[in-house]
């Protein structure tokens, strides 16, 4: 984090846009509906795409996000994040190590990190990423090969281990938001609960409506 003058403060609803979840719906339409619902932190994730396809998708999404002042994050790919001038990148435990991602992205971009256990949270605390994702809190709706479910109490137990914002992830629905925030999370990250909704704008607005105060407004 050396050289950073004003690290971002992130909270609220974090929407992950993955076209493999709902391939029949164009991502740009999904994002437009999400931002109309109030989403202000979004991540592009498409592990199945070629770099050419990913660049085209990410560029279009970045333009939409920028127009509304939404924070735009790219999953995994630092090169893609820099190519489209994303606000940052998110890396997982099996992706590029955090230190290398930070070195590539530079001091002024956001770098987030996925964590799934107290040991991983403690390790993340030494690096001080801009935020961590922690979970799965519940059984994920979007994948079957997931890490062990940690539950609300698991989230509560790691809050004291790290000072950066925590985004809870994994099987979260709008009705879970209150107890998740009370357990110490700064926000929730969602995929299927928004992307598979019949009305994405309404689904996003419902999540945001469960957020307390300033957290509902995102970054």
Protein backbone atom coordinates (compact mmCIF):
# COMPACT_ATOMS: atom_id res chain seq x y z
CA UNK A 1 0.00 0.00 0.00
CA UNK A 2 3.06 2.23 0.04
CA UNK A 3 2.55 5.50 -1.79
CA UNK A 4 -1.24 5.54 -1.57
CA UNK A 5 -2.63 8.87 -0.51
CA UNK A 6 -6.31 8.00 -0.21
CA UNK A 7 -7.23 4.31 -0.16
CA UNK A 8 -10.84 3.77 -1.25
CA UNK A 9 -13.53 2.95 1.25
CA UNK A 10 -15.86 0.32 -0.15
CA UNK A 11 -19.18 -0.87 1.24
CA UNK A 12 -22.70 -1.82 0.29
CA UNK A 13 -23.81 -4.02 -2.61
CA UNK A 14 -21.15 -5.52 -4.89
CA UNK A 15 -22.60 -7.08 -8.05
CA UNK A 16 -20.54 -9.67 -9.92
CA UNK A 17 -21.35 -9.84 -13.64
CA UNK A 18 -20.66 -13.33 -14.99
CA UNK A 19 -22.19 -14.12 -18.41
CA UNK A 20 -21.99 -17.86 -17.80
CA UNK A 21 -24.69 -17.52 -15.14
CA UNK A 22 -27.27 -16.11 -17.54
CA UNK A 23 -25.81 -16.40 -21.07
CA UNK A 24 -29.02 -15.47 -22.88
CA UNK A 25 -28.97 -11.92 -21.48
CA UNK A 26 -26.38 -9.40 -22.78
CA UNK A 27 -24.10 -8.19 -19.99
CA UNK A 28 -24.54 -4.55 -20.91
CA UNK A 29 -28.30 -4.87 -20.38
CA UNK A 30 -27.73 -6.57 -17.05
CA UNK A 31 -25.40 -3.79 -15.92
CA UNK A 32 -27.77 -1.05 -17.05
CA UNK A 33 -30.58 -2.63 -15.04
CA UNK A 34 -28.27 -3.08 -12.05
CA UNK A 35 -27.16 0.55 -12.00
CA UNK A 36 -30.75 1.70 -12.44
CA UNK A 37 -31.45 -0.28 -9.29
CA UNK A 38 -28.65 1.57 -7.52
CA UNK A 39 -25.59 -0.71 -7.91
CA UNK A 40 -22.36 1.26 -7.61
CA UNK A 41 -19.75 -1.51 -7.29
CA UNK A 42 -19.58 -4.05 -10.11
CA UNK A 43 -17.12 -6.74 -11.11
CA UNK A 44 -16.69 -8.29 -14.54
CA UNK A 45 -15.90 -12.01 -14.42
CA UNK A 46 -15.72 -14.31 -17.43
CA UNK A 47 -13.21 -17.11 -17.01
CA UNK A 48 -14.44 -18.85 -20.19
CA UNK A 49 -13.82 -15.94 -22.58
CA UNK A 50 -10.90 -15.39 -24.93
CA UNK A 51 -8.90 -12.26 -24.23
CA UNK A 52 -10.42 -10.61 -27.30
CA UNK A 53 -13.96 -11.34 -26.13
CA UNK A 54 -13.17 -10.33 -22.56
CA UNK A 55 -11.66 -7.05 -23.72
CA UNK A 56 -14.77 -6.21 -25.74
CA UNK A 57 -17.12 -7.06 -22.89
CA UNK A 58 -15.07 -5.30 -20.23
CA UNK A 59 -14.64 -2.17 -22.35
CA UNK A 60 -18.39 -1.85 -22.87
CA UNK A 61 -19.13 -2.43 -19.19
CA UNK A 62 -16.46 0.04 -18.11
CA UNK A 63 -18.08 2.75 -20.24
CA UNK A 64 -21.48 2.15 -18.64
CA UNK A 65 -20.05 2.04 -15.12
CA UNK A 66 -18.02 5.20 -15.61
CA UNK A 67 -21.05 7.11 -16.86
CA UNK A 68 -22.84 6.58 -13.53
CA UNK A 69 -19.80 6.82 -11.28
CA UNK A 70 -19.81 3.11 -10.41
CA UNK A 71 -16.62 1.40 -9.27
CA UNK A 72 -15.61 -1.14 -11.93
CA UNK A 73 -13.49 -4.16 -11.01
CA UNK A 74 -12.10 -6.90 -13.27
CA UNK A 75 -11.77 -10.44 -11.93
CA UNK A 76 -8.33 -12.04 -11.99
CA UNK A 77 -6.79 -10.35 -15.06
CA UNK A 78 -4.52 -7.42 -14.24
CA UNK A 79 -3.67 -6.95 -17.92
CA UNK A 80 -7.34 -6.67 -18.83
CA UNK A 81 -8.05 -4.35 -15.91
CA UNK A 82 -5.30 -1.98 -17.03
CA UNK A 83 -6.26 -2.24 -20.71
CA UNK A 84 -9.81 -1.00 -20.03
CA UNK A 85 -8.75 1.39 -17.26
CA UNK A 86 -10.80 -0.43 -14.65
CA UNK A 87 -10.81 0.91 -11.12
CA UNK A 88 -9.16 -2.26 -9.93
CA UNK A 89 -8.80 -6.02 -9.98
CA UNK A 90 -9.99 -8.85 -7.76
CA UNK A 91 -7.82 -11.92 -7.25
CA UNK A 92 -8.60 -15.28 -5.69
CA UNK A 93 -6.47 -17.68 -3.71
CA UNK A 94 -5.53 -19.56 -6.91
CA UNK A 95 -4.96 -16.46 -9.04
CA UNK A 96 -1.92 -14.21 -9.27
CA UNK A 97 -0.60 -13.61 -5.72
CA UNK A 98 -1.78 -10.37 -4.13
CA UNK A 99 1.72 -8.81 -3.95
CA UNK A 100 2.30 -9.36 -7.67
CA UNK A 101 -1.16 -8.03 -8.53
CA UNK A 102 -0.47 -4.90 -6.50
CA UNK A 103 2.90 -4.42 -8.20
CA UNK A 104 1.28 -4.64 -11.63
CA UNK A 105 -1.73 -2.47 -10.82
CA UNK A 106 0.26 0.22 -9.05
CA UNK A 107 -0.53 2.11 -5.86
CA UNK A 108 -3.69 3.88 -6.98
CA UNK A 109 -5.83 1.02 -8.26
CA UNK A 110 -8.08 -1.16 -6.11
CA UNK A 111 -6.91 -4.70 -5.43
CA UNK A 112 -9.33 -7.04 -3.66
CA UNK A 113 -8.71 -10.58 -2.45
CA UNK A 114 -10.93 -13.62 -1.90
CA UNK A 115 -10.61 -15.43 1.43
CA UNK A 116 -12.32 -18.54 2.75
CA UNK A 117 -10.85 -19.27 6.18
CA UNK A 118 -9.49 -17.47 9.25
CA UNK A 119 -5.94 -18.39 8.19
CA UNK A 120 -6.43 -16.74 4.80
CA UNK A 121 -7.89 -13.64 6.44
CA UNK A 122 -4.90 -13.41 8.78
CA UNK A 123 -2.55 -13.72 5.79
CA UNK A 124 -4.51 -11.02 3.94
CA UNK A 125 -4.21 -8.70 6.93
CA UNK A 126 -0.44 -8.62 6.43
CA UNK A 127 -0.87 -7.34 2.86
CA UNK A 128 -3.78 -4.98 3.59
CA UNK A 129 -5.72 -5.29 0.34
CA UNK A 130 -8.36 -2.66 -0.33
CA UNK A 131 -11.03 -5.19 0.66
CA UNK A 132 -11.54 -8.91 1.05
CA UNK A 133 -14.33 -11.19 0.01
CA UNK A 134 -15.16 -13.77 2.68
CA UNK A 135 -17.26 -16.87 2.29
CA UNK A 136 -19.15 -18.75 1.24
CA UNK A 137 -21.52 -17.60 3.95
CA UNK A 138 -24.22 -19.94 2.65
CA UNK A 139 -24.20 -22.59 -0.07
CA UNK A 140 -23.42 -20.72 -3.32
CA UNK A 141 -26.14 -20.55 -5.94
CA UNK A 142 -23.70 -20.17 -8.84
CA UNK A 143 -21.19 -23.00 -8.33
CA UNK A 144 -20.86 -26.52 -6.97
CA UNK A 145 -17.06 -26.67 -6.50
CA UNK A 146 -16.99 -24.20 -3.64
CA UNK A 147 -15.03 -23.89 -0.42
CA UNK A 148 -16.64 -25.03 2.86
CA UNK A 149 -19.55 -22.88 4.02
CA UNK A 150 -18.45 -20.58 6.86
CA UNK A 151 -21.83 -19.29 8.03
CA UNK A 152 -22.72 -16.07 9.83
CA UNK A 153 -20.73 -17.05 12.91
CA UNK A 154 -17.68 -17.74 10.78
CA UNK A 155 -17.96 -14.23 9.40
CA UNK A 156 -18.34 -12.78 12.87
CA UNK A 157 -15.23 -14.65 14.01
CA UNK A 158 -12.93 -13.13 11.37
CA UNK A 159 -14.07 -9.51 11.69
CA UNK A 160 -11.48 -8.82 14.38
CA UNK A 161 -8.66 -10.32 12.29
CA UNK A 162 -8.54 -7.60 9.64
CA UNK A 163 -9.31 -3.88 9.43
CA UNK A 164 -10.08 -3.55 5.70
CA UNK A 165 -13.65 -3.81 4.40
CA UNK A 166 -15.16 -7.30 4.21
CA UNK A 167 -17.66 -8.29 1.54
CA UNK A 168 -19.58 -11.42 2.46
CA UNK A 169 -20.27 -13.73 -0.48
CA UNK A 170 -21.98 -17.02 -1.17
CA UNK A 171 -25.68 -17.83 -1.44
CA UNK A 172 -26.74 -14.46 -0.06
CA UNK A 173 -30.29 -13.19 -0.53
CA UNK A 174 -31.71 -9.79 0.34
CA UNK A 175 -33.28 -11.09 3.55
CA UNK A 176 -29.82 -12.09 4.82
CA UNK A 177 -28.29 -8.62 4.52
CA UNK A 178 -29.18 -7.31 7.98
CA UNK A 179 -27.65 -10.19 9.93
CA UNK A 180 -24.57 -10.19 7.69
CA UNK A 181 -23.92 -6.50 8.32
CA UNK A 182 -24.50 -6.99 12.04
CA UNK A 183 -21.92 -9.79 11.97
CA UNK A 184 -19.31 -7.31 10.79
CA UNK A 185 -19.38 -7.25 7.00
CA UNK A 186 -19.18 -3.91 5.22
CA UNK A 187 -21.19 -5.20 2.30
CA UNK A 188 -22.39 -8.22 0.35
CA UNK A 189 -21.27 -9.56 -3.01
CA UNK A 190 -23.92 -11.25 -5.12
CA UNK A 191 -24.09 -13.12 -8.40
CA UNK A 192 -27.07 -15.42 -8.97
CA UNK A 193 -29.48 -13.58 -6.68
CA UNK A 194 -29.26 -10.62 -9.05
CA UNK A 195 -28.38 -12.15 -12.42
CA UNK A 196 -31.11 -14.80 -12.23
CA UNK A 197 -33.77 -12.38 -11.01
CA UNK A 198 -36.72 -11.82 -13.34
CA UNK A 199 -36.39 -8.09 -12.63
CA UNK A 200 -32.74 -7.20 -12.02
CA UNK A 201 -33.39 -3.55 -11.22
CA UNK A 202 -35.89 -4.47 -8.51
CA UNK A 203 -33.63 -7.22 -7.13
CA UNK A 204 -30.73 -4.77 -6.78
CA UNK A 205 -32.95 -2.14 -5.19
CA UNK A 206 -34.20 -4.71 -2.68
CA UNK A 207 -30.65 -5.60 -1.62
CA UNK A 208 -29.71 -1.95 -1.29
CA UNK A 209 -32.85 -1.26 0.69
CA UNK A 210 -31.60 -3.68 3.35
CA UNK A 211 -28.28 -1.84 3.74
CA UNK A 212 -27.86 0.53 6.68
CA UNK A 213 -27.27 4.21 5.96
CA UNK A 214 -24.21 5.19 3.89
CA UNK A 215 -23.38 1.54 3.12
CA UNK A 216 -26.34 1.45 0.76
CA UNK A 217 -24.63 3.97 -1.49
CA UNK A 218 -21.48 1.98 -2.22
CA UNK A 219 -18.10 3.57 -2.83
